[in-house]
Amino acid sequence: MDLYLKVVLLKLYLQLENPYKVALVHVEIPPDDPNIDMKFDLLDAAKLYTDDYMVIPNTKPKELYTALRIKYLSEDELQNADILKKVVGGRKASNRNEKEVLRNLLVLLRKLLDTETTIEEDERFLEQDIPKRLRYAVSIRLEEKRIIKELLGKVEEKHKKYMD
């Protein structure tokens, strides 16, 4: 599978009283993609200057979708100026492209949730008296799973609509 997603949970502190939990999803265009230069130009045009896209609970990860849509543009779609304008503007390129994005995202999110422990097991573990560092690590892992699970549910819904 050519879509490489790396999900890392970070705790960002803008202020001491204002913590945010975020999952970062890494989207990489393979170096052997014959259209890599054009896709990088499209990412730049969309003002996506990073390979890491934030997934915040209860929000739609627009930048992530745009990056994935660009990644999965076909040769024909790359030659269509109207499609390129849509994608750079954050809209879907085509039904074919959207299905490809959703299919790959579903597979990877499911794989990321296939861990040694479930959300419920992590929650029960945190109810125990455990060392502070272990509690912090499990808490981060738990929040990551929750964010991924929430996104997975939304992607499954969207994928179902495209398959009907």
Protein backbone atom coordinates (compact mmCIF):
# COMPACT_ATOMS: atom_id res chain seq x y z
CA MET A 1 0.00 0.00 0.00
CA ASP A 2 1.50 3.33 -1.04
CA LEU A 3 -0.29 5.59 1.43
CA TYR A 4 1.85 5.99 4.48
CA LEU A 5 0.14 7.47 7.48
CA LYS A 6 1.84 7.96 10.73
CA VAL A 7 -0.37 9.04 13.58
CA VAL A 8 1.27 10.66 16.54
CA LEU A 9 -0.64 12.10 19.44
CA LEU A 10 0.67 15.36 20.81
CA LYS A 11 -0.39 17.49 23.71
CA LEU A 12 -0.09 21.12 22.67
CA TYR A 13 -0.14 23.79 25.34
CA LEU A 14 -0.95 27.28 24.14
CA GLN A 15 -1.50 28.30 27.73
CA LEU A 16 -1.28 26.29 30.92
CA GLU A 17 -5.08 26.34 31.26
CA ASN A 18 -5.70 25.54 27.60
CA PRO A 19 -4.49 22.06 26.53
CA TYR A 20 -5.41 20.66 23.11
CA LYS A 21 -5.28 17.03 22.08
CA VAL A 22 -4.41 16.52 18.44
CA ALA A 23 -3.57 13.58 16.23
CA LEU A 24 -1.11 14.33 13.46
CA VAL A 25 -1.47 12.34 10.28
CA HIS A 26 1.57 12.13 8.04
CA VAL A 27 0.85 12.02 4.31
CA GLU A 28 3.75 11.28 2.05
CA ILE A 29 3.82 11.29 -1.74
CA PRO A 30 6.10 8.41 -2.71
CA PRO A 31 9.42 9.57 -4.17
CA ASP A 32 8.89 7.29 -7.18
CA ASP A 33 5.53 8.90 -8.09
CA PRO A 34 6.00 10.04 -11.72
CA ASN A 35 3.96 13.18 -10.97
CA ILE A 36 5.63 14.11 -7.70
CA ASP A 37 6.71 17.58 -8.84
CA MET A 38 3.25 18.51 -10.04
CA LYS A 39 1.67 17.17 -6.85
CA PHE A 40 4.11 19.18 -4.72
CA ASP A 41 3.19 22.28 -6.75
CA LEU A 42 -0.50 21.57 -6.03
CA LEU A 43 0.22 21.16 -2.32
CA ASP A 44 2.01 24.52 -2.39
CA ALA A 45 -0.90 26.12 -4.27
CA ALA A 46 -3.24 24.77 -1.57
CA LYS A 47 -0.90 26.31 1.05
CA LEU A 48 -0.10 22.89 2.49
CA TYR A 49 3.57 23.27 3.35
CA THR A 50 3.89 20.27 5.63
CA ASP A 51 3.50 16.50 5.48
CA ASP A 52 1.69 16.42 8.84
CA TYR A 53 -1.99 17.28 9.07
CA MET A 54 -3.89 17.84 12.31
CA VAL A 55 -6.95 15.87 13.24
CA ILE A 56 -8.79 17.63 16.03
CA PRO A 57 -11.76 16.00 17.75
CA ASN A 58 -15.17 17.11 16.43
CA THR A 59 -13.76 18.85 13.36
CA LYS A 60 -13.38 17.92 9.70
CA PRO A 61 -9.70 17.52 8.74
CA LYS A 62 -9.95 19.62 5.55
CA GLU A 63 -6.20 19.89 5.00
CA LEU A 64 -5.78 16.13 5.38
CA TYR A 65 -8.48 15.46 2.79
CA THR A 66 -6.95 18.00 0.39
CA ALA A 67 -3.50 16.43 0.71
CA LEU A 68 -4.91 12.93 0.14
CA ARG A 69 -6.96 14.09 -2.84
CA ILE A 70 -3.82 15.54 -4.39
CA LYS A 71 -1.87 12.38 -3.64
CA TYR A 72 -4.41 10.18 -5.43
CA LEU A 73 -4.99 12.31 -8.52
CA SER A 74 -4.79 10.19 -11.68
CA GLU A 75 -2.84 11.12 -14.80
CA ASP A 76 -6.07 12.25 -16.48
CA GLU A 77 -7.16 14.29 -13.47
CA LEU A 78 -3.78 16.02 -13.34
CA GLN A 79 -4.38 17.26 -16.90
CA ASN A 80 -7.80 18.76 -16.10
CA ALA A 81 -7.54 22.39 -14.97
CA ASP A 82 -11.07 22.41 -13.51
CA ILE A 83 -10.30 19.41 -11.32
CA LEU A 84 -7.05 20.97 -10.15
CA LYS A 85 -8.85 24.18 -9.15
CA LYS A 86 -11.39 22.16 -7.17
CA VAL A 87 -8.75 20.16 -5.31
CA VAL A 88 -6.59 23.17 -4.48
CA GLY A 89 -9.76 24.87 -3.22
CA GLY A 90 -10.45 21.97 -0.85
CA ARG A 91 -13.21 20.30 -2.85
CA LYS A 92 -13.36 16.75 -4.18
CA ALA A 93 -11.66 16.05 -7.49
CA SER A 94 -13.90 13.27 -8.77
CA ASN A 95 -15.88 10.34 -7.48
CA ARG A 96 -13.03 8.01 -8.46
CA ASN A 97 -10.49 10.08 -6.53
CA GLU A 98 -12.74 10.44 -3.48
CA LYS A 99 -13.36 6.68 -3.35
CA GLU A 100 -9.61 6.07 -3.51
CA VAL A 101 -8.93 8.55 -0.71
CA LEU A 102 -11.63 7.10 1.52
CA ARG A 103 -10.69 3.48 0.81
CA ASN A 104 -7.05 4.04 1.75
CA LEU A 105 -7.91 6.13 4.78
CA LEU A 106 -10.31 3.46 6.06
CA VAL A 107 -7.74 0.69 5.77
CA LEU A 108 -5.11 2.66 7.61
CA LEU A 109 -7.34 3.99 10.37
CA ARG A 110 -8.56 0.46 11.06
CA LYS A 111 -4.99 -0.75 11.14
CA LEU A 112 -4.07 2.00 13.61
CA LEU A 113 -6.91 0.94 15.92
CA ASP A 114 -5.75 -2.68 15.83
CA THR A 115 -3.50 -2.33 18.88
CA GLU A 116 -2.63 -4.56 21.81
CA THR A 117 -5.26 -2.94 24.02
CA THR A 118 -8.71 -1.52 23.34
CA ILE A 119 -10.03 1.86 24.39
CA GLU A 120 -12.03 0.17 27.15
CA GLU A 121 -8.96 -1.71 28.44
CA ASP A 122 -6.94 1.52 28.54
CA GLU A 123 -9.75 3.26 30.45
CA ARG A 124 -9.87 0.44 33.03
CA PHE A 125 -6.08 0.46 33.31
CA LEU A 126 -6.11 4.19 34.10
CA GLU A 127 -8.49 3.56 37.01
CA GLN A 128 -5.67 1.66 38.75
CA ASP A 129 -2.93 3.14 40.89
CA ILE A 130 -0.05 3.29 38.37
CA PRO A 131 3.15 5.35 38.11
CA LYS A 132 2.77 8.90 36.77
CA ARG A 133 4.85 8.33 33.61
CA LEU A 134 2.90 5.20 32.72
CA ARG A 135 -0.38 7.03 33.34
CA TYR A 136 0.72 9.82 31.00
CA ALA A 137 1.77 7.37 28.26
CA VAL A 138 -1.48 5.40 28.47
CA SER A 139 -3.51 8.64 28.53
CA ILE A 140 -1.83 9.83 25.34
CA ARG A 141 -2.37 6.46 23.66
CA LEU A 142 -6.03 6.49 24.75
CA GLU A 143 -6.66 9.98 23.35
CA GLU A 144 -4.98 8.98 20.08
CA LYS A 145 -7.30 5.98 19.80
CA ARG A 146 -10.37 8.12 20.53
CA ILE A 147 -9.43 10.64 17.85
CA ILE A 148 -8.73 7.89 15.33
CA LYS A 149 -11.99 6.12 16.19
CA GLU A 150 -13.98 9.33 15.76
CA LEU A 151 -12.38 10.00 12.38
CA LEU A 152 -12.88 6.37 11.34
CA GLY A 153 -16.63 6.66 12.02
CA LYS A 154 -16.88 9.77 9.86
CA VAL A 155 -14.84 8.23 7.04
CA GLU A 156 -16.96 5.05 7.15
CA GLU A 157 -20.13 7.15 6.79
CA LYS A 158 -18.70 9.12 3.91
CA HIS A 159 -17.36 5.97 2.22
CA LYS A 160 -20.78 4.31 2.49
CA LYS A 161 -22.40 7.25 0.69
CA TYR A 162 -19.93 6.93 -2.19
CA MET A 163 -20.46 3.18 -2.47
CA ASP A 164 -24.29 3.41 -2.62
